[in-house]
Amino acid sequence: MKIRCPKCKGSAELEPDFSLVRCQDCDLEMTYGEYVRYIAHSDVVYSDILGDYTGATAGQNAGTLDEWD
């Protein structure tokens, strides 16, 4: 499945089993979980995605990738 590369904004490939994201243009390779975290932290539009799973997020920010580990 084709998805948007978070690094170069080109076309990346998502494995059929959702295990890996690869971009041939910029040599990006990461797990789908890492991809979701990267997108949620790098783009304000998507930063509330994880709020669907944590309940109310009013007054909170998404934090940094280091805080997610």
Protein backbone atom coordinates (compact mmCIF):
# COMPACT_ATOMS: atom_id res chain seq x y z
CA MET A 1 0.00 0.00 0.00
CA LYS A 2 1.29 3.46 -0.86
CA ILE A 3 1.50 6.02 1.96
CA ARG A 4 3.17 9.39 2.37
CA CYS A 5 6.79 9.34 3.51
CA PRO A 6 7.14 11.43 6.67
CA LYS A 7 10.74 12.33 5.85
CA CYS A 8 10.74 13.38 2.16
CA LYS A 9 6.93 13.62 1.64
CA GLY A 10 7.25 11.28 -1.34
CA SER A 11 5.59 7.92 -1.81
CA ALA A 12 6.47 5.17 0.67
CA GLU A 13 5.38 1.55 0.72
CA LEU A 14 3.55 -0.01 3.68
CA GLU A 15 3.93 -3.79 3.87
CA PRO A 16 0.63 -5.72 3.54
CA ASP A 17 0.93 -6.97 7.14
CA PHE A 18 1.50 -3.40 8.45
CA SER A 19 4.93 -4.39 9.77
CA LEU A 20 7.23 -2.01 7.90
CA VAL A 21 7.26 1.32 6.07
CA ARG A 22 9.89 1.83 3.34
CA CYS A 23 10.69 4.79 1.12
CA GLN A 24 12.95 4.16 -1.85
CA ASP A 25 13.52 7.89 -2.45
CA CYS A 26 15.15 8.71 0.90
CA ASP A 27 16.00 5.19 2.18
CA LEU A 28 13.60 5.50 5.12
CA GLU A 29 12.77 2.24 6.87
CA MET A 30 10.78 2.02 10.10
CA THR A 31 8.10 -0.09 11.73
CA TYR A 32 4.50 1.01 11.35
CA GLY A 33 4.35 1.83 15.07
CA GLU A 34 7.37 4.13 14.71
CA TYR A 35 5.72 5.68 11.64
CA VAL A 36 2.51 6.48 13.55
CA ARG A 37 4.47 8.04 16.45
CA TYR A 38 6.62 10.05 14.02
CA ILE A 39 3.57 11.39 12.17
CA ALA A 40 1.71 12.17 15.40
CA HIS A 41 4.63 14.21 16.72
CA SER A 42 5.77 15.91 13.55
CA ASP A 43 2.45 17.15 12.17
CA VAL A 44 0.02 19.14 14.31
CA VAL A 45 -2.90 17.97 12.18
CA TYR A 46 -2.30 14.40 13.34
CA SER A 47 -1.13 15.06 16.89
CA ASP A 48 -4.56 14.27 18.31
CA ILE A 49 -4.66 10.76 16.82
CA LEU A 50 -3.36 9.17 19.98
CA GLY A 51 -5.82 11.17 22.07
CA ASP A 52 -8.50 8.77 20.84
CA TYR A 53 -6.79 6.08 22.91
CA THR A 54 -5.84 8.07 26.01
CA GLY A 55 -9.08 9.87 26.81
CA ALA A 56 -9.24 13.62 27.36
CA THR A 57 -6.17 15.54 26.21
CA ALA A 58 -7.34 19.11 26.80
CA GLY A 59 -4.48 21.27 27.97
CA GLN A 60 -1.85 18.67 27.10
CA ASN A 61 0.68 18.54 24.30
CA ALA A 62 2.00 15.51 22.48
CA GLY A 63 5.47 15.67 24.04
CA THR A 64 8.61 14.54 22.30
CA LEU A 65 9.57 11.20 20.78
CA ASP A 66 11.96 10.64 23.70
CA GLU A 67 9.08 10.90 26.16
CA TRP A 68 7.17 8.17 24.32
CA ASP A 69 9.69 5.41 24.92
